[in-house]
Amino acid sequence: MIHRAIYGSVERFIGILIEHYEGKLPLWLAPVQASIMTISEKSEKYAKEVYERLQDKGIRAFFDNSSDRVSQKIKRASLKKIPLHIILGEEERDNKELSVRTLSGENSKMTVEDLVNLITSSN
């Protein structure tokens, strides 16, 4: 028989963890590690390929292919405290690269493999 106090301890620990990080959990602990968003429909096929490659590598990603503006997609991902925002347009598709933005607002360009290495090294 498992003692009931264990459940309360785990719940308190998770609550303290979320409060400590202000909802911005570390990359390895975040329920969704990356949000993939498209600028236009022209880059949707490339975005889906990127999403599938990340899924194959065991990375928890969300694919936002809604018709909303990119600013709305970024805001939605930020409110959900998703650590990495991957923004894909025609330029990224043509160059086979990713435009990655962190929750803190830092922007960088990288390949899919670089992103996979970044996320898996944080695990």
PDB file of N, CA and C in Angstrom:
ATOM      1  N   MET A   1       0.836  -1.187   0.000  1.00  0.00           N
ATOM      2  CA  MET A   1       0.000   0.000   0.000  1.00  0.00           C
ATOM      3  C   MET A   1       0.881   1.251   0.000  1.00  0.00           C
ATOM      4  N   ILE A   2       0.531   2.202  -0.839  1.00  0.00           N
ATOM      5  CA  ILE A   2       1.267   3.466  -0.920  1.00  0.00           C
ATOM      6  C   ILE A   2       0.617   4.461   0.033  1.00  0.00           C
ATOM      7  N   HIS A   3       1.457   5.108   0.782  1.00  0.00           N
ATOM      8  CA  HIS A   3       0.938   6.075   1.757  1.00  0.00           C
ATOM      9  C   HIS A   3       0.447   7.332   1.048  1.00  0.00           C
ATOM     10  N   ARG A   4      -0.639   7.900   1.511  1.00  0.00           N
ATOM     11  CA  ARG A   4      -1.233   9.087   0.894  1.00  0.00           C
ATOM     12  C   ARG A   4      -0.323  10.310   0.935  1.00  0.00           C
ATOM     13  N   ALA A   5       0.508  10.415   1.915  1.00  0.00           N
ATOM     14  CA  ALA A   5       1.376  11.591   2.056  1.00  0.00           C
ATOM     15  C   ALA A   5       2.305  11.754   0.863  1.00  0.00           C
ATOM     16  N   ILE A   6       2.634  10.658   0.197  1.00  0.00           N
ATOM     17  CA  ILE A   6       3.509  10.735  -0.977  1.00  0.00           C
ATOM     18  C   ILE A   6       2.849  11.567  -2.071  1.00  0.00           C
ATOM     19  N   TYR A   7       1.564  11.359  -2.299  1.00  0.00           N
ATOM     20  CA  TYR A   7       0.876  12.115  -3.347  1.00  0.00           C
ATOM     21  C   TYR A   7       0.920  13.604  -3.060  1.00  0.00           C
ATOM     22  N   GLY A   8       0.652  13.981  -1.835  1.00  0.00           N
ATOM     23  CA  GLY A   8       0.700  15.391  -1.475  1.00  0.00           C
ATOM     24  C   GLY A   8       2.085  15.966  -1.650  1.00  0.00           C
ATOM     25  N   SER A   9       3.107  15.177  -1.342  1.00  0.00           N
ATOM     26  CA  SER A   9       4.485  15.640  -1.472  1.00  0.00           C
ATOM     27  C   SER A   9       4.833  15.904  -2.933  1.00  0.00           C
ATOM     28  N   VAL A  10       4.441  14.994  -3.799  1.00  0.00           N
ATOM     29  CA  VAL A  10       4.728  15.153  -5.226  1.00  0.00           C
ATOM     30  C   VAL A  10       4.000  16.377  -5.777  1.00  0.00           C
ATOM     31  N   GLU A  11       2.743  16.525  -5.416  1.00  0.00           N
ATOM     32  CA  GLU A  11       1.972  17.677  -5.892  1.00  0.00           C
ATOM     33  C   GLU A  11       2.580  18.982  -5.398  1.00  0.00           C
ATOM     34  N   ARG A  12       2.993  19.016  -4.145  1.00  0.00           N
ATOM     35  CA  ARG A  12       3.622  20.227  -3.610  1.00  0.00           C
ATOM     36  C   ARG A  12       4.932  20.510  -4.326  1.00  0.00           C
ATOM     37  N   PHE A  13       5.706  19.457  -4.585  1.00  0.00           N
ATOM     38  CA  PHE A  13       6.979  19.627  -5.274  1.00  0.00           C
ATOM     39  C   PHE A  13       6.770  20.217  -6.667  1.00  0.00           C
ATOM     40  N   ILE A  14       5.817  19.693  -7.412  1.00  0.00           N
ATOM     41  CA  ILE A  14       5.543  20.207  -8.758  1.00  0.00           C
ATOM     42  C   ILE A  14       5.063  21.651  -8.680  1.00  0.00           C
ATOM     43  N   GLY A  15       4.216  21.955  -7.716  1.00  0.00           N
ATOM     44  CA  GLY A  15       3.755  23.330  -7.529  1.00  0.00           C
ATOM     45  C   GLY A  15       4.900  24.277  -7.223  1.00  0.00           C
ATOM     46  N   ILE A  16       5.808  23.852  -6.359  1.00  0.00           N
ATOM     47  CA  ILE A  16       6.977  24.679  -6.015  1.00  0.00           C
ATOM     48  C   ILE A  16       7.869  24.859  -7.236  1.00  0.00           C
ATOM     49  N   LEU A  17       8.044  23.804  -8.018  1.00  0.00           N
ATOM     50  CA  LEU A  17       8.866  23.867  -9.226  1.00  0.00           C
ATOM     51  C   LEU A  17       8.289  24.861 -10.228  1.00  0.00           C
ATOM     52  N   ILE A  18       6.992  24.790 -10.462  1.00  0.00           N
ATOM     53  CA  ILE A  18       6.343  25.712 -11.402  1.00  0.00           C
ATOM     54  C   ILE A  18       6.429  27.144 -10.884  1.00  0.00           C
ATOM     55  N   GLU A  19       6.225  27.318  -9.598  1.00  0.00           N
ATOM     56  CA  GLU A  19       6.310  28.657  -9.014  1.00  0.00           C
ATOM     57  C   GLU A  19       7.734  29.200  -9.104  1.00  0.00           C
ATOM     58  N   HIS A  20       8.720  28.350  -8.839  1.00  0.00           N
ATOM     59  CA  HIS A  20      10.121  28.771  -8.889  1.00  0.00           C
ATOM     60  C   HIS A  20      10.512  29.247 -10.292  1.00  0.00           C
ATOM     61  N   TYR A  21      10.111  28.509 -11.300  1.00  0.00           N
ATOM     62  CA  TYR A  21      10.453  28.856 -12.683  1.00  0.00           C
ATOM     63  C   TYR A  21       9.446  29.820 -13.312  1.00  0.00           C
ATOM     64  N   GLU A  22       8.456  30.252 -12.562  1.00  0.00           N
ATOM     65  CA  GLU A  22       7.407  31.153 -13.049  1.00  0.00           C
ATOM     66  C   GLU A  22       6.739  30.594 -14.305  1.00  0.00           C
ATOM     67  N   GLY A  23       6.576  29.289 -14.351  1.00  0.00           N
ATOM     68  CA  GLY A  23       5.945  28.632 -15.485  1.00  0.00           C
ATOM     69  C   GLY A  23       6.893  28.368 -16.638  1.00  0.00           C
ATOM     70  N   LYS A  24       8.070  28.998 -16.628  1.00  0.00           N
ATOM     71  CA  LYS A  24       9.052  28.820 -17.705  1.00  0.00           C
ATOM     72  C   LYS A  24       9.967  27.660 -17.342  1.00  0.00           C
ATOM     73  N   LEU A  25       9.482  26.461 -17.539  1.00  0.00           N
ATOM     74  CA  LEU A  25      10.247  25.272 -17.174  1.00  0.00           C
ATOM     75  C   LEU A  25      11.467  25.124 -18.074  1.00  0.00           C
ATOM     76  N   PRO A  26      12.528  24.491 -17.572  1.00  0.00           N
ATOM     77  CA  PRO A  26      13.706  24.247 -18.415  1.00  0.00           C
ATOM     78  C   PRO A  26      13.320  23.438 -19.648  1.00  0.00           C
ATOM     79  N   LEU A  27      14.106  23.568 -20.682  1.00  0.00           N
ATOM     80  CA  LEU A  27      13.817  22.918 -21.961  1.00  0.00           C
ATOM     81  C   LEU A  27      13.566  21.423 -21.798  1.00  0.00           C
ATOM     82  N   TRP A  28      14.339  20.749 -20.986  1.00  0.00           N
ATOM     83  CA  TRP A  28      14.207  19.300 -20.829  1.00  0.00           C
ATOM     84  C   TRP A  28      12.929  18.910 -20.092  1.00  0.00           C
ATOM     85  N   LEU A  29      12.363  19.828 -19.306  1.00  0.00           N
ATOM     86  CA  LEU A  29      11.200  19.523 -18.491  1.00  0.00           C
ATOM     87  C   LEU A  29       9.891  20.044 -19.091  1.00  0.00           C
ATOM     88  N   ALA A  30       9.984  20.956 -20.040  1.00  0.00           N
ATOM     89  CA  ALA A  30       8.789  21.569 -20.624  1.00  0.00           C
ATOM     90  C   ALA A  30       7.928  20.514 -21.328  1.00  0.00           C
ATOM     91  N   PRO A  31       6.611  20.545 -21.103  1.00  0.00           N
ATOM     92  CA  PRO A  31       5.725  19.580 -21.770  1.00  0.00           C
ATOM     93  C   PRO A  31       5.804  19.678 -23.292  1.00  0.00           C
ATOM     94  N   VAL A  32       5.914  20.891 -23.808  1.00  0.00           N
ATOM     95  CA  VAL A  32       6.122  21.127 -25.239  1.00  0.00           C
ATOM     96  C   VAL A  32       7.426  21.904 -25.350  1.00  0.00           C
ATOM     97  N   GLN A  33       8.405  21.342 -26.063  1.00  0.00           N
ATOM     98  CA  GLN A  33       9.725  21.953 -26.135  1.00  0.00           C
ATOM     99  C   GLN A  33       9.838  22.992 -27.246  1.00  0.00           C
ATOM    100  N   ALA A  34       9.088  22.825 -28.313  1.00  0.00           N
ATOM    101  CA  ALA A  34       9.192  23.740 -29.448  1.00  0.00           C
ATOM    102  C   ALA A  34       7.842  23.904 -30.129  1.00  0.00           C
ATOM    103  N   SER A  35       7.580  25.124 -30.568  1.00  0.00           N
ATOM    104  CA  SER A  35       6.376  25.419 -31.336  1.00  0.00           C
ATOM    105  C   SER A  35       6.809  25.820 -32.740  1.00  0.00           C
ATOM    106  N   ILE A  36       6.310  25.110 -33.727  1.00  0.00           N
ATOM    107  CA  ILE A  36       6.659  25.388 -35.119  1.00  0.00           C
ATOM    108  C   ILE A  36       5.526  26.181 -35.734  1.00  0.00           C
ATOM    109  N   MET A  37       5.865  27.346 -36.292  1.00  0.00           N
ATOM    110  CA  MET A  37       4.832  28.199 -36.879  1.00  0.00           C
ATOM    111  C   MET A  37       5.266  28.677 -38.256  1.00  0.00           C
ATOM    112  N   THR A  38       4.294  28.797 -39.143  1.00  0.00           N
ATOM    113  CA  THR A  38       4.566  29.217 -40.513  1.00  0.00           C
ATOM    114  C   THR A  38       4.167  30.674 -40.713  1.00  0.00           C
ATOM    115  N   ILE A  39       4.886  31.330 -41.619  1.00  0.00           N
ATOM    116  CA  ILE A  39       4.553  32.705 -41.976  1.00  0.00           C
ATOM    117  C   ILE A  39       3.450  32.709 -43.029  1.00  0.00           C
ATOM    118  N   SER A  40       3.548  31.758 -43.967  1.00  0.00           N
ATOM    119  CA  SER A  40       2.531  31.664 -45.018  1.00  0.00           C
ATOM    120  C   SER A  40       2.306  30.197 -45.370  1.00  0.00           C
ATOM    121  N   GLU A  41       1.303  29.963 -46.178  1.00  0.00           N
ATOM    122  CA  GLU A  41       0.993  28.598 -46.602  1.00  0.00           C
ATOM    123  C   GLU A  41       2.103  28.009 -47.466  1.00  0.00           C
ATOM    124  N   LYS A  42       2.899  28.867 -48.100  1.00  0.00           N
ATOM    125  CA  LYS A  42       3.963  28.396 -48.986  1.00  0.00           C
ATOM    126  C   LYS A  42       5.024  27.588 -48.243  1.00  0.00           C
ATOM    127  N   SER A  43       5.182  27.847 -46.965  1.00  0.00           N
ATOM    128  CA  SER A  43       6.206  27.139 -46.183  1.00  0.00           C
ATOM    129  C   SER A  43       5.617  26.021 -45.329  1.00  0.00           C
ATOM    130  N   GLU A  44       4.339  25.732 -45.512  1.00  0.00           N
ATOM    131  CA  GLU A  44       3.667  24.738 -44.672  1.00  0.00           C
ATOM    132  C   GLU A  44       4.222  23.327 -44.877  1.00  0.00           C
ATOM    133  N   LYS A  45       4.540  22.962 -46.107  1.00  0.00           N
ATOM    134  CA  LYS A  45       5.069  21.626 -46.375  1.00  0.00           C
ATOM    135  C   LYS A  45       6.419  21.440 -45.679  1.00  0.00           C
ATOM    136  N   TYR A  46       7.290  22.453 -45.768  1.00  0.00           N
ATOM    137  CA  TYR A  46       8.594  22.386 -45.100  1.00  0.00           C
ATOM    138  C   TYR A  46       8.415  22.313 -43.582  1.00  0.00           C
ATOM    139  N   ALA A  47       7.476  23.087 -43.059  1.00  0.00           N
ATOM    140  CA  ALA A  47       7.217  23.086 -41.613  1.00  0.00           C
ATOM    141  C   ALA A  47       6.752  21.708 -41.151  1.00  0.00           C
ATOM    142  N   LYS A  48       5.924  21.073 -41.945  1.00  0.00           N
ATOM    143  CA  LYS A  48       5.439  19.728 -41.595  1.00  0.00           C
ATOM    144  C   LYS A  48       6.592  18.728 -41.598  1.00  0.00           C
ATOM    145  N   GLU A  49       7.522  18.865 -42.555  1.00  0.00           N
ATOM    146  CA  GLU A  49       8.704  17.997 -42.597  1.00  0.00           C
ATOM    147  C   GLU A  49       9.554  18.191 -41.341  1.00  0.00           C
ATOM    148  N   VAL A  50       9.760  19.447 -40.953  1.00  0.00           N
ATOM    149  CA  VAL A  50      10.537  19.752 -39.746  1.00  0.00           C
ATOM    150  C   VAL A  50       9.848  19.152 -38.526  1.00  0.00           C
ATOM    151  N   TYR A  51       8.541  19.339 -38.434  1.00  0.00           N
ATOM    152  CA  TYR A  51       7.761  18.801 -37.316  1.00  0.00           C
ATOM    153  C   TYR A  51       7.924  17.284 -37.215  1.00  0.00           C
ATOM    154  N   GLU A  52       7.814  16.602 -38.342  1.00  0.00           N
ATOM    155  CA  GLU A  52       7.925  15.143 -38.348  1.00  0.00           C
ATOM    156  C   GLU A  52       9.326  14.688 -37.962  1.00  0.00           C
ATOM    157  N   ARG A  53      10.355  15.419 -38.403  1.00  0.00           N
ATOM    158  CA  ARG A  53      11.733  15.065 -38.030  1.00  0.00           C
ATOM    159  C   ARG A  53      11.947  15.227 -36.535  1.00  0.00           C
ATOM    160  N   LEU A  54      11.392  16.294 -35.960  1.00  0.00           N
ATOM    161  CA  LEU A  54      11.520  16.497 -34.518  1.00  0.00           C
ATOM    162  C   LEU A  54      10.780  15.404 -33.755  1.00  0.00           C
ATOM    163  N   GLN A  55       9.585  15.058 -34.221  1.00  0.00           N
ATOM    164  CA  GLN A  55       8.812  13.993 -33.586  1.00  0.00           C
ATOM    165  C   GLN A  55       9.578  12.667 -33.634  1.00  0.00           C
ATOM    166  N   ASP A  56      10.216  12.382 -34.779  1.00  0.00           N
ATOM    167  CA  ASP A  56      10.984  11.146 -34.927  1.00  0.00           C
ATOM    168  C   ASP A  56      12.145  11.076 -33.936  1.00  0.00           C
ATOM    169  N   LYS A  57      12.691  12.235 -33.575  1.00  0.00           N
ATOM    170  CA  LYS A  57      13.815  12.297 -32.627  1.00  0.00           C
ATOM    171  C   LYS A  57      13.342  12.334 -31.176  1.00  0.00           C
ATOM    172  N   GLY A  58      12.030  12.255 -30.962  1.00  0.00           N
ATOM    173  CA  GLY A  58      11.498  12.235 -29.604  1.00  0.00           C
ATOM    174  C   GLY A  58      11.347  13.603 -28.973  1.00  0.00           C
ATOM    175  N   ILE A  59      11.338  14.636 -29.796  1.00  0.00           N
ATOM    176  CA  ILE A  59      11.198  16.004 -29.287  1.00  0.00           C
ATOM    177  C   ILE A  59       9.718  16.356 -29.254  1.00  0.00           C
ATOM    178  N   ARG A  60       9.305  16.936 -28.142  1.00  0.00           N
ATOM    179  CA  ARG A  60       7.899  17.303 -27.957  1.00  0.00           C
ATOM    180  C   ARG A  60       7.659  18.653 -28.629  1.00  0.00           C
ATOM    181  N   ALA A  61       7.016  18.608 -29.787  1.00  0.00           N
ATOM    182  CA  ALA A  61       6.793  19.822 -30.574  1.00  0.00           C
ATOM    183  C   ALA A  61       5.307  20.005 -30.869  1.00  0.00           C
ATOM    184  N   PHE A  62       4.957  21.252 -31.161  1.00  0.00           N
ATOM    185  CA  PHE A  62       3.590  21.618 -31.530  1.00  0.00           C
ATOM    186  C   PHE A  62       3.661  22.328 -32.874  1.00  0.00           C
ATOM    187  N   PHE A  63       2.807  21.929 -33.808  1.00  0.00           N
ATOM    188  CA  PHE A  63       2.796  22.535 -35.140  1.00  0.00           C
ATOM    189  C   PHE A  63       1.584  23.450 -35.250  1.00  0.00           C
ATOM    190  N   ASP A  64       1.835  24.751 -35.310  1.00  0.00           N
ATOM    191  CA  ASP A  64       0.763  25.749 -35.412  1.00  0.00           C
ATOM    192  C   ASP A  64       0.657  26.199 -36.863  1.00  0.00           C
ATOM    193  N   ASN A  65      -0.257  25.600 -37.601  1.00  0.00           N
ATOM    194  CA  ASN A  65      -0.452  25.977 -39.000  1.00  0.00           C
ATOM    195  C   ASN A  65      -1.753  26.754 -39.183  1.00  0.00           C
ATOM    196  N   SER A  66      -2.158  27.445 -38.131  1.00  0.00           N
ATOM    197  CA  SER A  66      -3.382  28.246 -38.217  1.00  0.00           C
ATOM    198  C   SER A  66      -3.170  29.424 -39.167  1.00  0.00           C
ATOM    199  N   SER A  67      -4.247  30.061 -39.550  1.00  0.00           N
ATOM    200  CA  SER A  67      -4.165  31.187 -40.484  1.00  0.00           C
ATOM    201  C   SER A  67      -3.918  32.515 -39.767  1.00  0.00           C
ATOM    202  N   ASP A  68      -3.650  32.474 -38.468  1.00  0.00           N
ATOM    203  CA  ASP A  68      -3.377  33.702 -37.710  1.00  0.00           C
ATOM    204  C   ASP A  68      -2.055  34.322 -38.145  1.00  0.00           C
ATOM    205  N   ARG A  69      -1.889  35.608 -37.802  1.00  0.00           N
ATOM    206  CA  ARG A  69      -0.624  36.285 -38.073  1.00  0.00           C
ATOM    207  C   ARG A  69       0.469  35.678 -37.190  1.00  0.00           C
ATOM    208  N   VAL A  70       1.719  35.806 -37.638  1.00  0.00           N
ATOM    209  CA  VAL A  70       2.845  35.242 -36.895  1.00  0.00           C
ATOM    210  C   VAL A  70       2.924  35.839 -35.496  1.00  0.00           C
ATOM    211  N   SER A  71       2.654  37.125 -35.371  1.00  0.00           N
ATOM    212  CA  SER A  71       2.714  37.762 -34.050  1.00  0.00           C
ATOM    213  C   SER A  71       1.721  37.116 -33.083  1.00  0.00           C
ATOM    214  N   GLN A  72       0.560  36.739 -33.588  1.00  0.00           N
ATOM    215  CA  GLN A  72      -0.430  36.066 -32.739  1.00  0.00           C
ATOM    216  C   GLN A  72       0.041  34.661 -32.359  1.00  0.00           C
ATOM    217  N   LYS A  73       0.681  33.978 -33.298  1.00  0.00           N
ATOM    218  CA  LYS A  73       1.198  32.639 -33.020  1.00  0.00           C
ATOM    219  C   LYS A  73       2.302  32.696 -31.965  1.00  0.00           C
ATOM    220  N   ILE A  74       3.183  33.691 -32.088  1.00  0.00           N
ATOM    221  CA  ILE A  74       4.265  33.857 -31.115  1.00  0.00           C
ATOM    222  C   ILE A  74       3.693  34.178 -29.746  1.00  0.00           C
ATOM    223  N   LYS A  75       2.712  35.063 -29.710  1.00  0.00           N
ATOM    224  CA  LYS A  75       2.091  35.429 -28.433  1.00  0.00           C
ATOM    225  C   LYS A  75       1.449  34.211 -27.778  1.00  0.00           C
ATOM    226  N   ARG A  76       0.750  33.409 -28.574  1.00  0.00           N
ATOM    227  CA  ARG A  76       0.084  32.210 -28.052  1.00  0.00           C
ATOM    228  C   ARG A  76       1.116  31.222 -27.484  1.00  0.00           C
ATOM    229  N   ALA A  77       2.215  31.026 -28.205  1.00  0.00           N
ATOM    230  CA  ALA A  77       3.265  30.112 -27.730  1.00  0.00           C
ATOM    231  C   ALA A  77       3.947  30.668 -26.484  1.00  0.00           C
ATOM    232  N   SER A  78       4.113  31.984 -26.425  1.00  0.00           N
ATOM    233  CA  SER A  78       4.731  32.610 -25.251  1.00  0.00           C
ATOM    234  C   SER A  78       3.845  32.467 -24.023  1.00  0.00           C
ATOM    235  N   LEU A  79       2.551  32.642 -24.201  1.00  0.00           N
ATOM    236  CA  LEU A  79       1.623  32.489 -23.079  1.00  0.00           C
ATOM    237  C   LEU A  79       1.612  31.054 -22.548  1.00  0.00           C
ATOM    238  N   LYS A  80       1.855  30.104 -23.449  1.00  0.00           N
ATOM    239  CA  LYS A  80       1.925  28.696 -23.039  1.00  0.00           C
ATOM    240  C   LYS A  80       3.299  28.341 -22.479  1.00  0.00           C
ATOM    241  N   LYS A  81       4.215  29.319 -22.481  1.00  0.00           N
ATOM    242  CA  LYS A  81       5.579  29.153 -21.951  1.00  0.00           C
ATOM    243  C   LYS A  81       6.365  28.080 -22.702  1.00  0.00           C
ATOM    244  N   ILE A  82       6.146  27.981 -24.011  1.00  0.00           N
ATOM    245  CA  ILE A  82       6.903  27.040 -24.834  1.00  0.00           C
ATOM    246  C   ILE A  82       8.292  27.644 -25.046  1.00  0.00           C
ATOM    247  N   PRO A  83       9.365  26.931 -24.672  1.00  0.00           N
ATOM    248  CA  PRO A  83      10.709  27.518 -24.678  1.00  0.00           C
ATOM    249  C   PRO A  83      11.236  27.963 -26.041  1.00  0.00           C
ATOM    250  N   LEU A  84      10.950  27.214 -27.105  1.00  0.00           N
ATOM    251  CA  LEU A  84      11.496  27.541 -28.422  1.00  0.00           C
ATOM    252  C   LEU A  84      10.380  27.766 -29.433  1.00  0.00           C
ATOM    253  N   HIS A  85      10.495  28.867 -30.168  1.00  0.00           N
ATOM    254  CA  HIS A  85       9.541  29.178 -31.234  1.00  0.00           C
ATOM    255  C   HIS A  85      10.299  29.065 -32.551  1.00  0.00           C
ATOM    256  N   ILE A  86       9.858  28.176 -33.413  1.00  0.00           N
ATOM    257  CA  ILE A  86      10.499  27.976 -34.707  1.00  0.00           C
ATOM    258  C   ILE A  86       9.611  28.623 -35.756  1.00  0.00           C
ATOM    259  N   ILE A  87      10.133  29.681 -36.375  1.00  0.00           N
ATOM    260  CA  ILE A  87       9.358  30.457 -37.341  1.00  0.00           C
ATOM    261  C   ILE A  87       9.890  30.147 -38.735  1.00  0.00           C
ATOM    262  N   LEU A  88       8.999  29.669 -39.600  1.00  0.00           N
ATOM    263  CA  LEU A  88       9.408  29.238 -40.931  1.00  0.00           C
ATOM    264  C   LEU A  88       8.662  30.005 -42.011  1.00  0.00           C
ATOM    265  N   GLY A  89       9.447  30.557 -42.921  1.00  0.00           N
ATOM    266  CA  GLY A  89       8.905  31.253 -44.078  1.00  0.00           C
ATOM    267  C   GLY A  89       9.569  30.727 -45.336  1.00  0.00           C
ATOM    268  N   GLU A  90       9.403  31.458 -46.417  1.00  0.00           N
ATOM    269  CA  GLU A  90       9.977  31.029 -47.692  1.00  0.00           C
ATOM    270  C   GLU A  90      11.504  31.037 -47.659  1.00  0.00           C
ATOM    271  N   GLU A  91      12.081  32.038 -47.002  1.00  0.00           N
ATOM    272  CA  GLU A  91      13.545  32.133 -46.916  1.00  0.00           C
ATOM    273  C   GLU A  91      14.127  30.919 -46.184  1.00  0.00           C
ATOM    274  N   GLU A  92      13.513  30.547 -45.077  1.00  0.00           N
ATOM    275  CA  GLU A  92      13.976  29.383 -44.320  1.00  0.00           C
ATOM    276  C   GLU A  92      13.800  28.104 -45.134  1.00  0.00           C
ATOM    277  N   ARG A  93      12.680  28.009 -45.831  1.00  0.00           N
ATOM    278  CA  ARG A  93      12.426  26.833 -46.671  1.00  0.00           C
ATOM    279  C   ARG A  93      13.490  26.715 -47.758  1.00  0.00           C
ATOM    280  N   ASP A  94      13.776  27.827 -48.441  1.00  0.00           N
ATOM    281  CA  ASP A  94      14.746  27.807 -49.535  1.00  0.00           C
ATOM    282  C   ASP A  94      16.157  27.481 -49.051  1.00  0.00           C
ATOM    283  N   ASN A  95      16.520  27.964 -47.855  1.00  0.00           N
ATOM    284  CA  ASN A  95      17.864  27.746 -47.307  1.00  0.00           C
ATOM    285  C   ASN A  95      17.955  26.506 -46.420  1.00  0.00           C
ATOM    286  N   LYS A  96      16.830  25.804 -46.250  1.00  0.00           N
ATOM    287  CA  LYS A  96      16.769  24.611 -45.394  1.00  0.00           C
ATOM    288  C   LYS A  96      17.326  24.904 -43.997  1.00  0.00           C
ATOM    289  N   GLU A  97      16.839  25.999 -43.413  1.00  0.00           N
ATOM    290  CA  GLU A  97      17.253  26.369 -42.066  1.00  0.00           C
ATOM    291  C   GLU A  97      16.035  26.756 -41.238  1.00  0.00           C
ATOM    292  N   LEU A  98      16.257  27.010 -39.969  1.00  0.00           N
ATOM    293  CA  LEU A  98      15.187  27.380 -39.052  1.00  0.00           C
ATOM    294  C   LEU A  98      15.503  28.728 -38.428  1.00  0.00           C
ATOM    295  N   SER A  99      14.484  29.519 -38.226  1.00  0.00           N
ATOM    296  CA  SER A  99      14.608  30.754 -37.463  1.00  0.00           C
ATOM    297  C   SER A  99      14.049  30.438 -36.081  1.00  0.00           C
ATOM    298  N   VAL A 100      14.930  30.427 -35.080  1.00  0.00           N
ATOM    299  CA  VAL A 100      14.554  29.998 -33.732  1.00  0.00           C
ATOM    300  C   VAL A 100      14.569  31.193 -32.791  1.00  0.00           C
ATOM    301  N   ARG A 101      13.495  31.328 -32.034  1.00  0.00           N
ATOM    302  CA  ARG A 101      13.366  32.401 -31.046  1.00  0.00           C
ATOM    303  C   ARG A 101      13.096  31.763 -29.687  1.00  0.00           C
ATOM    304  N   THR A 102      13.809  32.231 -28.675  1.00  0.00           N
ATOM    305  CA  THR A 102      13.606  31.704 -27.327  1.00  0.00           C
ATOM    306  C   THR A 102      12.574  32.549 -26.596  1.00  0.00           C
ATOM    307  N   LEU A 103      12.119  32.059 -25.459  1.00  0.00           N
ATOM    308  CA  LEU A 103      11.160  32.809 -24.643  1.00  0.00           C
ATOM    309  C   LEU A 103      11.725  34.151 -24.201  1.00  0.00           C
ATOM    310  N   SER A 104      13.049  34.214 -24.036  1.00  0.00           N
ATOM    311  CA  SER A 104      13.674  35.466 -23.610  1.00  0.00           C
ATOM    312  C   SER A 104      13.838  36.452 -24.765  1.00  0.00           C
ATOM    313  N   GLY A 105      13.501  36.043 -25.994  1.00  0.00           N
ATOM    314  CA  GLY A 105      13.525  36.942 -27.138  1.00  0.00           C
ATOM    315  C   GLY A 105      14.765  36.859 -28.003  1.00  0.00           C
ATOM    316  N   GLU A 106      15.680  35.938 -27.706  1.00  0.00           N
ATOM    317  CA  GLU A 106      16.888  35.781 -28.515  1.00  0.00           C
ATOM    318  C   GLU A 106      16.537  35.062 -29.817  1.00  0.00           C
ATOM    319  N   ASN A 107      17.078  35.568 -30.929  1.00  0.00           N
ATOM    320  CA  ASN A 107      16.829  34.977 -32.247  1.00  0.00           C
ATOM    321  C   ASN A 107      18.105  34.376 -32.801  1.00  0.00           C
ATOM    322  N   SER A 108      17.978  33.252 -33.493  1.00  0.00           N
ATOM    323  CA  SER A 108      19.128  32.645 -34.154  1.00  0.00           C
ATOM    324  C   SER A 108      18.652  31.799 -35.326  1.00  0.00           C
ATOM    325  N   LYS A 109      19.577  31.519 -36.219  1.00  0.00           N
ATOM    326  CA  LYS A 109      19.309  30.643 -37.365  1.00  0.00           C
ATOM    327  C   LYS A 109      20.102  29.368 -37.156  1.00  0.00           C
ATOM    328  N   MET A 110      19.486  28.236 -37.448  1.00  0.00           N
ATOM    329  CA  MET A 110      20.175  26.956 -37.321  1.00  0.00           C
ATOM    330  C   MET A 110      19.505  25.913 -38.197  1.00  0.00           C
ATOM    331  N   THR A 111      20.205  24.805 -38.371  1.00  0.00           N
ATOM    332  CA  THR A 111      19.640  23.690 -39.129  1.00  0.00           C
ATOM    333  C   THR A 111      18.790  22.832 -38.195  1.00  0.00           C
ATOM    334  N   VAL A 112      18.055  21.920 -38.781  1.00  0.00           N
ATOM    335  CA  VAL A 112      17.226  21.018 -37.978  1.00  0.00           C
ATOM    336  C   VAL A 112      18.114  20.173 -37.066  1.00  0.00           C
ATOM    337  N   GLU A 113      19.238  19.700 -37.596  1.00  0.00           N
ATOM    338  CA  GLU A 113      20.143  18.872 -36.786  1.00  0.00           C
ATOM    339  C   GLU A 113      20.715  19.661 -35.614  1.00  0.00           C
ATOM    340  N   ASP A 114      21.047  20.940 -35.843  1.00  0.00           N
ATOM    341  CA  ASP A 114      21.542  21.782 -34.744  1.00  0.00           C
ATOM    342  C   ASP A 114      20.482  21.922 -33.655  1.00  0.00           C
ATOM    343  N   LEU A 115      19.232  22.084 -34.070  1.00  0.00           N
ATOM    344  CA  LEU A 115      18.138  22.207 -33.102  1.00  0.00           C
ATOM    345  C   LEU A 115      17.955  20.909 -32.321  1.00  0.00           C
ATOM    346  N   VAL A 116      18.001  19.791 -33.020  1.00  0.00           N
ATOM    347  CA  VAL A 116      17.876  18.489 -32.355  1.00  0.00           C
ATOM    348  C   VAL A 116      18.998  18.323 -31.333  1.00  0.00           C
ATOM    349  N   ASN A 117      20.226  18.681 -31.719  1.00  0.00           N
ATOM    350  CA  ASN A 117      21.360  18.576 -30.795  1.00  0.00           C
ATOM    351  C   ASN A 117      21.185  19.495 -29.595  1.00  0.00           C
ATOM    352  N   LEU A 118      20.681  20.699 -29.821  1.00  0.00           N
ATOM    353  CA  LEU A 118      20.448  21.650 -28.729  1.00  0.00           C
ATOM    354  C   LEU A 118      19.452  21.081 -27.722  1.00  0.00           C
ATOM    355  N   ILE A 119      18.361  20.543 -28.226  1.00  0.00           N
ATOM    356  CA  ILE A 119      17.313  20.036 -27.333  1.00  0.00           C
ATOM    357  C   ILE A 119      17.751  18.745 -26.646  1.00  0.00           C
ATOM    358  N   THR A 120      18.345  17.828 -27.392  1.00  0.00           N
ATOM    359  CA  THR A 120      18.744  16.555 -26.777  1.00  0.00           C
ATOM    360  C   THR A 120      19.900  16.734 -25.804  1.00  0.00           C
ATOM    361  N   SER A 121      20.752  17.724 -26.021  1.00  0.00           N
ATOM    362  CA  SER A 121      21.851  17.956 -25.073  1.00  0.00           C
ATOM    363  C   SER A 121      21.334  18.540 -23.764  1.00  0.00           C
ATOM    364  N   SER A 122      20.167  19.170 -23.800  1.00  0.00           N
ATOM    365  CA  SER A 122      19.595  19.721 -22.568  1.00  0.00           C
ATOM    366  C   SER A 122      18.938  18.628 -21.731  1.00  0.00           C
ATOM    367  N   ASN A 123      18.678  17.481 -22.351  1.00  0.00           N
ATOM    368  CA  ASN A 123      18.062  16.364 -21.619  1.00  0.00           C
ATOM    369  C   ASN A 123      19.129  15.743 -20.788  1.00  0.00           C
TER     370      ASN A 123
END
